[in-house]
Amino acid sequence: MPMERPTHPRLHVRNVYDAQKVLEAVRTKRLRLVTRRLNEAERHNFICSGSLFVWEESDDENGLRRWTDGRAFGQSRMSKS
């Protein structure tokens, strides 16, 4: 089984417009869709601040219903210039 990687390894989504751009890039296959849950090694290697994972939610028994990565991150903060 090939290693599952993030849709993008260093990306921060700041607003709905950013999210729409990411989803359009996945739809047009410029960015990749995550197809399955990550295993322990993949979680250790790829889950970090800025890692972006896009997957398709499914209503059938084989689809992904919940993402659990086991990592906790602090709340994002906007910097004041």
PDB file of N, CA and C in Angstrom:
ATOM      1  N   MET A   1       0.853  -1.177   0.000  1.00  0.00           N
ATOM      2  CA  MET A   1       0.000   0.000   0.000  1.00  0.00           C
ATOM      3  C   MET A   1       0.901   1.244   0.000  1.00  0.00           C
ATOM      4  N   PRO A   2       0.684   2.162  -0.952  1.00  0.00           N
ATOM      5  CA  PRO A   2       1.515   3.375  -0.999  1.00  0.00           C
ATOM      6  C   PRO A   2       1.250   4.284   0.199  1.00  0.00           C
ATOM      7  N   MET A   3       2.270   5.042   0.556  1.00  0.00           N
ATOM      8  CA  MET A   3       2.159   5.955   1.694  1.00  0.00           C
ATOM      9  C   MET A   3       1.208   7.100   1.357  1.00  0.00           C
ATOM     10  N   GLU A   4       0.291   7.380   2.261  1.00  0.00           N
ATOM     11  CA  GLU A   4      -0.650   8.501   2.102  1.00  0.00           C
ATOM     12  C   GLU A   4       0.055   9.767   2.553  1.00  0.00           C
ATOM     13  N   ARG A   5      -0.026  10.808   1.766  1.00  0.00           N
ATOM     14  CA  ARG A   5       0.638  12.075   2.072  1.00  0.00           C
ATOM     15  C   ARG A   5      -0.393  13.188   2.192  1.00  0.00           C
ATOM     16  N   PRO A   6      -0.007  14.318   2.782  1.00  0.00           N
ATOM     17  CA  PRO A   6      -0.946  15.442   2.880  1.00  0.00           C
ATOM     18  C   PRO A   6      -1.317  15.966   1.492  1.00  0.00           C
ATOM     19  N   THR A   7      -2.464  16.596   1.418  1.00  0.00           N
ATOM     20  CA  THR A   7      -2.851  17.286   0.195  1.00  0.00           C
ATOM     21  C   THR A   7      -1.828  18.374  -0.101  1.00  0.00           C
ATOM     22  N   HIS A   8      -1.397  19.072   0.946  1.00  0.00           N
ATOM     23  CA  HIS A   8      -0.322  20.066   0.843  1.00  0.00           C
ATOM     24  C   HIS A   8       0.411  20.086   2.182  1.00  0.00           C
ATOM     25  N   PRO A   9       1.750  20.073   2.181  1.00  0.00           N
ATOM     26  CA  PRO A   9       2.489  19.970   3.440  1.00  0.00           C
ATOM     27  C   PRO A   9       2.659  21.278   4.215  1.00  0.00           C
ATOM     28  N   ARG A  10       2.516  22.422   3.567  1.00  0.00           N
ATOM     29  CA  ARG A  10       2.763  23.699   4.253  1.00  0.00           C
ATOM     30  C   ARG A  10       1.782  24.752   3.768  1.00  0.00           C
ATOM     31  N   LEU A  11       0.568  24.689   4.251  1.00  0.00           N
ATOM     32  CA  LEU A  11      -0.440  25.632   3.788  1.00  0.00           C
ATOM     33  C   LEU A  11      -1.344  26.006   4.949  1.00  0.00           C
ATOM     34  N   HIS A  12      -1.654  27.271   5.048  1.00  0.00           N
ATOM     35  CA  HIS A  12      -2.557  27.745   6.089  1.00  0.00           C
ATOM     36  C   HIS A  12      -3.785  28.341   5.420  1.00  0.00           C
ATOM     37  N   VAL A  13      -4.950  27.847   5.772  1.00  0.00           N
ATOM     38  CA  VAL A  13      -6.217  28.330   5.222  1.00  0.00           C
ATOM     39  C   VAL A  13      -6.725  29.410   6.167  1.00  0.00           C
ATOM     40  N   ARG A  14      -6.790  30.634   5.674  1.00  0.00           N
ATOM     41  CA  ARG A  14      -7.152  31.769   6.520  1.00  0.00           C
ATOM     42  C   ARG A  14      -8.621  32.132   6.456  1.00  0.00           C
ATOM     43  N   ASN A  15      -9.291  31.755   5.365  1.00  0.00           N
ATOM     44  CA  ASN A  15     -10.682  32.168   5.200  1.00  0.00           C
ATOM     45  C   ASN A  15     -11.373  31.261   4.185  1.00  0.00           C
ATOM     46  N   VAL A  16     -12.640  31.532   3.939  1.00  0.00           N
ATOM     47  CA  VAL A  16     -13.439  30.713   3.020  1.00  0.00           C
ATOM     48  C   VAL A  16     -12.862  30.764   1.609  1.00  0.00           C
ATOM     49  N   TYR A  17     -12.364  31.916   1.201  1.00  0.00           N
ATOM     50  CA  TYR A  17     -11.784  32.054  -0.130  1.00  0.00           C
ATOM     51  C   TYR A  17     -10.591  31.108  -0.294  1.00  0.00           C
ATOM     52  N   ASP A  18      -9.720  31.042   0.711  1.00  0.00           N
ATOM     53  CA  ASP A  18      -8.590  30.107   0.667  1.00  0.00           C
ATOM     54  C   ASP A  18      -9.084  28.664   0.559  1.00  0.00           C
ATOM     55  N   ALA A  19     -10.092  28.316   1.352  1.00  0.00           N
ATOM     56  CA  ALA A  19     -10.636  26.958   1.335  1.00  0.00           C
ATOM     57  C   ALA A  19     -11.219  26.624  -0.038  1.00  0.00           C
ATOM     58  N   GLN A  20     -11.928  27.579  -0.651  1.00  0.00           N
ATOM     59  CA  GLN A  20     -12.493  27.353  -1.980  1.00  0.00           C
ATOM     60  C   GLN A  20     -11.388  27.122  -3.013  1.00  0.00           C
ATOM     61  N   LYS A  21     -10.299  27.860  -2.905  1.00  0.00           N
ATOM     62  CA  LYS A  21      -9.180  27.682  -3.839  1.00  0.00           C
ATOM     63  C   LYS A  21      -8.556  26.293  -3.689  1.00  0.00           C
ATOM     64  N   VAL A  22      -8.401  25.853  -2.453  1.00  0.00           N
ATOM     65  CA  VAL A  22      -7.841  24.525  -2.207  1.00  0.00           C
ATOM     66  C   VAL A  22      -8.767  23.452  -2.771  1.00  0.00           C
ATOM     67  N   LEU A  23     -10.063  23.564  -2.498  1.00  0.00           N
ATOM     68  CA  LEU A  23     -11.007  22.559  -2.997  1.00  0.00           C
ATOM     69  C   LEU A  23     -11.059  22.534  -4.520  1.00  0.00           C
ATOM     70  N   GLU A  24     -10.967  23.686  -5.151  1.00  0.00           N
ATOM     71  CA  GLU A  24     -10.936  23.734  -6.615  1.00  0.00           C
ATOM     72  C   GLU A  24      -9.657  23.088  -7.151  1.00  0.00           C
ATOM     73  N   ALA A  25      -8.540  23.307  -6.476  1.00  0.00           N
ATOM     74  CA  ALA A  25      -7.285  22.674  -6.899  1.00  0.00           C
ATOM     75  C   ALA A  25      -7.366  21.153  -6.773  1.00  0.00           C
ATOM     76  N   VAL A  26      -8.043  20.660  -5.748  1.00  0.00           N
ATOM     77  CA  VAL A  26      -8.238  19.216  -5.606  1.00  0.00           C
ATOM     78  C   VAL A  26      -9.182  18.714  -6.694  1.00  0.00           C
ATOM     79  N   ARG A  27     -10.256  19.453  -6.936  1.00  0.00           N
ATOM     80  CA  ARG A  27     -11.229  19.040  -7.958  1.00  0.00           C
ATOM     81  C   ARG A  27     -10.585  18.929  -9.329  1.00  0.00           C
ATOM     82  N   THR A  28      -9.692  19.850  -9.645  1.00  0.00           N
ATOM     83  CA  THR A  28      -9.030  19.850 -10.952  1.00  0.00           C
ATOM     84  C   THR A  28      -7.730  19.044 -10.942  1.00  0.00           C
ATOM     85  N   LYS A  29      -7.496  18.328  -9.842  1.00  0.00           N
ATOM     86  CA  LYS A  29      -6.351  17.427  -9.684  1.00  0.00           C
ATOM     87  C   LYS A  29      -4.991  18.131  -9.696  1.00  0.00           C
ATOM     88  N   ARG A  30      -4.959  19.405  -9.358  1.00  0.00           N
ATOM     89  CA  ARG A  30      -3.688  20.099  -9.167  1.00  0.00           C
ATOM     90  C   ARG A  30      -3.134  19.808  -7.779  1.00  0.00           C
ATOM     91  N   LEU A  31      -4.016  19.499  -6.831  1.00  0.00           N
ATOM     92  CA  LEU A  31      -3.642  18.991  -5.511  1.00  0.00           C
ATOM     93  C   LEU A  31      -4.316  17.638  -5.350  1.00  0.00           C
ATOM     94  N   ARG A  32      -3.739  16.794  -4.527  1.00  0.00           N
ATOM     95  CA  ARG A  32      -4.247  15.425  -4.384  1.00  0.00           C
ATOM     96  C   ARG A  32      -5.289  15.283  -3.275  1.00  0.00           C
ATOM     97  N   LEU A  33      -6.171  14.363  -3.477  1.00  0.00           N
ATOM     98  CA  LEU A  33      -7.201  14.011  -2.513  1.00  0.00           C
ATOM     99  C   LEU A  33      -6.671  12.887  -1.628  1.00  0.00           C
ATOM    100  N   VAL A  34      -6.838  13.000  -0.337  1.00  0.00           N
ATOM    101  CA  VAL A  34      -6.468  11.920   0.585  1.00  0.00           C
ATOM    102  C   VAL A  34      -7.533  10.837   0.452  1.00  0.00           C
ATOM    103  N   THR A  35      -7.111   9.591   0.280  1.00  0.00           N
ATOM    104  CA  THR A  35      -8.062   8.520  -0.026  1.00  0.00           C
ATOM    105  C   THR A  35      -8.368   7.589   1.135  1.00  0.00           C
ATOM    106  N   ARG A  36      -7.553   7.653   2.200  1.00  0.00           N
ATOM    107  CA  ARG A  36      -7.790   6.751   3.335  1.00  0.00           C
ATOM    108  C   ARG A  36      -7.214   7.368   4.599  1.00  0.00           C
ATOM    109  N   ARG A  37      -7.547   6.755   5.728  1.00  0.00           N
ATOM    110  CA  ARG A  37      -6.987   7.201   7.008  1.00  0.00           C
ATOM    111  C   ARG A  37      -5.496   6.944   7.037  1.00  0.00           C
ATOM    112  N   LEU A  38      -4.782   7.787   7.753  1.00  0.00           N
ATOM    113  CA  LEU A  38      -3.339   7.609   7.880  1.00  0.00           C
ATOM    114  C   LEU A  38      -3.020   6.529   8.899  1.00  0.00           C
ATOM    115  N   ASN A  39      -1.949   5.773   8.639  1.00  0.00           N
ATOM    116  CA  ASN A  39      -1.505   4.801   9.633  1.00  0.00           C
ATOM    117  C   ASN A  39      -0.598   5.518  10.640  1.00  0.00           C
ATOM    118  N   GLU A  40      -0.113   4.804  11.628  1.00  0.00           N
ATOM    119  CA  GLU A  40       0.679   5.410  12.708  1.00  0.00           C
ATOM    120  C   GLU A  40       1.936   6.102  12.177  1.00  0.00           C
ATOM    121  N   ALA A  41       2.663   5.460  11.286  1.00  0.00           N
ATOM    122  CA  ALA A  41       3.893   6.050  10.737  1.00  0.00           C
ATOM    123  C   ALA A  41       3.587   7.313   9.937  1.00  0.00           C
ATOM    124  N   GLU A  42       2.521   7.280   9.147  1.00  0.00           N
ATOM    125  CA  GLU A  42       2.134   8.455   8.354  1.00  0.00           C
ATOM    126  C   GLU A  42       1.726   9.610   9.263  1.00  0.00           C
ATOM    127  N   ARG A  43       0.969   9.319  10.316  1.00  0.00           N
ATOM    128  CA  ARG A  43       0.586  10.374  11.264  1.00  0.00           C
ATOM    129  C   ARG A  43       1.824  11.005  11.887  1.00  0.00           C
ATOM    130  N   HIS A  44       2.772  10.170  12.283  1.00  0.00           N
ATOM    131  CA  HIS A  44       4.001  10.667  12.908  1.00  0.00           C
ATOM    132  C   HIS A  44       4.797  11.539  11.932  1.00  0.00           C
ATOM    133  N   ASN A  45       4.854  11.145  10.670  1.00  0.00           N
ATOM    134  CA  ASN A  45       5.658  11.857   9.677  1.00  0.00           C
ATOM    135  C   ASN A  45       4.992  13.092   9.095  1.00  0.00           C
ATOM    136  N   PHE A  46       3.674  13.105   8.977  1.00  0.00           N
ATOM    137  CA  PHE A  46       3.016  14.133   8.191  1.00  0.00           C
ATOM    138  C   PHE A  46       2.092  15.084   8.947  1.00  0.00           C
ATOM    139  N   ILE A  47       1.633  14.714  10.140  1.00  0.00           N
ATOM    140  CA  ILE A  47       0.731  15.606  10.874  1.00  0.00           C
ATOM    141  C   ILE A  47       1.565  16.635  11.625  1.00  0.00           C
ATOM    142  N   CYS A  48       1.481  17.882  11.172  1.00  0.00           N
ATOM    143  CA  CYS A  48       2.156  18.978  11.843  1.00  0.00           C
ATOM    144  C   CYS A  48       1.447  20.267  11.449  1.00  0.00           C
ATOM    145  N   SER A  49       1.777  21.333  12.117  1.00  0.00           N
ATOM    146  CA  SER A  49       1.151  22.605  11.814  1.00  0.00           C
ATOM    147  C   SER A  49       1.400  22.973  10.360  1.00  0.00           C
ATOM    148  N   GLY A  50       0.344  23.292   9.632  1.00  0.00           N
ATOM    149  CA  GLY A  50       0.448  23.653   8.225  1.00  0.00           C
ATOM    150  C   GLY A  50       0.126  22.518   7.281  1.00  0.00           C
ATOM    151  N   SER A  51       0.144  21.267   7.754  1.00  0.00           N
ATOM    152  CA  SER A  51      -0.222  20.147   6.888  1.00  0.00           C
ATOM    153  C   SER A  51      -1.716  20.202   6.606  1.00  0.00           C
ATOM    154  N   LEU A  52      -2.062  20.111   5.345  1.00  0.00           N
ATOM    155  CA  LEU A  52      -3.458  20.212   4.937  1.00  0.00           C
ATOM    156  C   LEU A  52      -3.891  18.894   4.311  1.00  0.00           C
ATOM    157  N   PHE A  53      -4.996  18.349   4.790  1.00  0.00           N
ATOM    158  CA  PHE A  53      -5.537  17.097   4.275  1.00  0.00           C
ATOM    159  C   PHE A  53      -6.947  17.344   3.765  1.00  0.00           C
ATOM    160  N   VAL A  54      -7.208  16.999   2.512  1.00  0.00           N
ATOM    161  CA  VAL A  54      -8.547  17.119   1.932  1.00  0.00           C
ATOM    162  C   VAL A  54      -8.998  15.712   1.567  1.00  0.00           C
ATOM    163  N   TRP A  55     -10.170  15.323   2.053  1.00  0.00           N
ATOM    164  CA  TRP A  55     -10.745  14.030   1.719  1.00  0.00           C
ATOM    165  C   TRP A  55     -12.216  14.219   1.429  1.00  0.00           C
ATOM    166  N   GLU A  56     -12.814  13.233   0.798  1.00  0.00           N
ATOM    167  CA  GLU A  56     -14.223  13.302   0.451  1.00  0.00           C
ATOM    168  C   GLU A  56     -15.027  12.540   1.488  1.00  0.00           C
ATOM    169  N   GLU A  57     -15.975  13.223   2.084  1.00  0.00           N
ATOM    170  CA  GLU A  57     -16.865  12.607   3.079  1.00  0.00           C
ATOM    171  C   GLU A  57     -17.832  11.682   2.349  1.00  0.00           C
ATOM    172  N   SER A  58     -18.129  10.551   2.946  1.00  0.00           N
ATOM    173  CA  SER A  58     -18.993   9.578   2.290  1.00  0.00           C
ATOM    174  C   SER A  58     -20.076   9.102   3.246  1.00  0.00           C
ATOM    175  N   ASP A  59     -21.224   8.762   2.688  1.00  0.00           N
ATOM    176  CA  ASP A  59     -22.335   8.255   3.496  1.00  0.00           C
ATOM    177  C   ASP A  59     -22.379   6.733   3.543  1.00  0.00           C
ATOM    178  N   ASP A  60     -21.551   6.052   2.733  1.00  0.00           N
ATOM    179  CA  ASP A  60     -21.617   4.593   2.764  1.00  0.00           C
ATOM    180  C   ASP A  60     -20.700   4.024   3.844  1.00  0.00           C
ATOM    181  N   GLU A  61     -20.765   2.735   4.080  1.00  0.00           N
ATOM    182  CA  GLU A  61     -20.022   2.086   5.160  1.00  0.00           C
ATOM    183  C   GLU A  61     -18.514   2.171   4.976  1.00  0.00           C
ATOM    184  N   ASN A  62     -18.039   2.248   3.741  1.00  0.00           N
ATOM    185  CA  ASN A  62     -16.598   2.242   3.495  1.00  0.00           C
ATOM    186  C   ASN A  62     -15.982   3.632   3.533  1.00  0.00           C
ATOM    187  N   GLY A  63     -16.787   4.664   3.608  1.00  0.00           N
ATOM    188  CA  GLY A  63     -16.274   6.032   3.549  1.00  0.00           C
ATOM    189  C   GLY A  63     -15.745   6.523   4.880  1.00  0.00           C
ATOM    190  N   LEU A  64     -14.955   7.576   4.815  1.00  0.00           N
ATOM    191  CA  LEU A  64     -14.393   8.200   6.005  1.00  0.00           C
ATOM    192  C   LEU A  64     -15.447   9.071   6.664  1.00  0.00           C
ATOM    193  N   ARG A  65     -15.705   8.852   7.935  1.00  0.00           N
ATOM    194  CA  ARG A  65     -16.728   9.616   8.642  1.00  0.00           C
ATOM    195  C   ARG A  65     -16.119  10.591   9.646  1.00  0.00           C
ATOM    196  N   ARG A  66     -14.937  10.288  10.148  1.00  0.00           N
ATOM    197  CA  ARG A  66     -14.330  11.129  11.173  1.00  0.00           C
ATOM    198  C   ARG A  66     -12.821  11.044  11.037  1.00  0.00           C
ATOM    199  N   TRP A  67     -12.166  12.166  11.196  1.00  0.00           N
ATOM    200  CA  TRP A  67     -10.707  12.189  11.116  1.00  0.00           C
ATOM    201  C   TRP A  67     -10.156  12.300  12.526  1.00  0.00           C
ATOM    202  N   THR A  68      -9.301  11.390  12.899  1.00  0.00           N
ATOM    203  CA  THR A  68      -8.668  11.437  14.208  1.00  0.00           C
ATOM    204  C   THR A  68      -7.176  11.294  14.003  1.00  0.00           C
ATOM    205  N   ASP A  69      -6.424  12.323  14.338  1.00  0.00           N
ATOM    206  CA  ASP A  69      -4.985  12.244  14.115  1.00  0.00           C
ATOM    207  C   ASP A  69      -4.195  12.113  15.409  1.00  0.00           C
ATOM    208  N   GLY A  70      -4.852  12.279  16.542  1.00  0.00           N
ATOM    209  CA  GLY A  70      -4.169  12.107  17.807  1.00  0.00           C
ATOM    210  C   GLY A  70      -3.246  13.246  18.197  1.00  0.00           C
ATOM    211  N   ARG A  71      -3.257  14.323  17.448  1.00  0.00           N
ATOM    212  CA  ARG A  71      -2.399  15.468  17.748  1.00  0.00           C
ATOM    213  C   ARG A  71      -3.248  16.642  18.199  1.00  0.00           C
ATOM    214  N   ALA A  72      -2.687  17.455  19.085  1.00  0.00           N
ATOM    215  CA  ALA A  72      -3.384  18.660  19.541  1.00  0.00           C
ATOM    216  C   ALA A  72      -2.558  19.872  19.143  1.00  0.00           C
ATOM    217  N   PHE A  73      -3.215  20.890  18.639  1.00  0.00           N
ATOM    218  CA  PHE A  73      -2.543  22.126  18.252  1.00  0.00           C
ATOM    219  C   PHE A  73      -3.219  23.283  18.954  1.00  0.00           C
ATOM    220  N   GLY A  74      -2.441  24.310  19.245  1.00  0.00           N
ATOM    221  CA  GLY A  74      -2.990  25.506  19.853  1.00  0.00           C
ATOM    222  C   GLY A  74      -3.830  26.281  18.849  1.00  0.00           C
ATOM    223  N   GLN A  75      -4.591  27.189  19.373  1.00  0.00           N
ATOM    224  CA  GLN A  75      -5.451  28.029  18.553  1.00  0.00           C
ATOM    225  C   GLN A  75      -4.600  28.949  17.681  1.00  0.00           C
ATOM    226  N   SER A  76      -5.017  29.151  16.437  1.00  0.00           N
ATOM    227  CA  SER A  76      -4.302  30.069  15.550  1.00  0.00           C
ATOM    228  C   SER A  76      -4.465  31.487  16.057  1.00  0.00           C
ATOM    229  N   ARG A  77      -3.449  32.266  15.870  1.00  0.00           N
ATOM    230  CA  ARG A  77      -3.501  33.671  16.303  1.00  0.00           C
ATOM    231  C   ARG A  77      -3.084  34.557  15.135  1.00  0.00           C
ATOM    232  N   MET A  78      -3.779  35.676  15.005  1.00  0.00           N
ATOM    233  CA  MET A  78      -3.423  36.642  13.994  1.00  0.00           C
ATOM    234  C   MET A  78      -2.371  37.583  14.586  1.00  0.00           C
ATOM    235  N   SER A  79      -1.338  37.866  13.811  1.00  0.00           N
ATOM    236  CA  SER A  79      -0.323  38.797  14.311  1.00  0.00           C
ATOM    237  C   SER A  79      -0.743  40.222  14.007  1.00  0.00           C
ATOM    238  N   LYS A  80      -0.428  41.097  14.928  1.00  0.00           N
ATOM    239  CA  LYS A  80      -0.752  42.517  14.734  1.00  0.00           C
ATOM    240  C   LYS A  80       0.481  43.202  14.185  1.00  0.00           C
ATOM    241  N   SER A  81       0.312  43.909  13.077  1.00  0.00           N
ATOM    242  CA  SER A  81       1.452  44.579  12.451  1.00  0.00           C
ATOM    243  C   SER A  81       1.565  46.008  12.911  1.00  0.00           C
TER     244      SER A  81
END
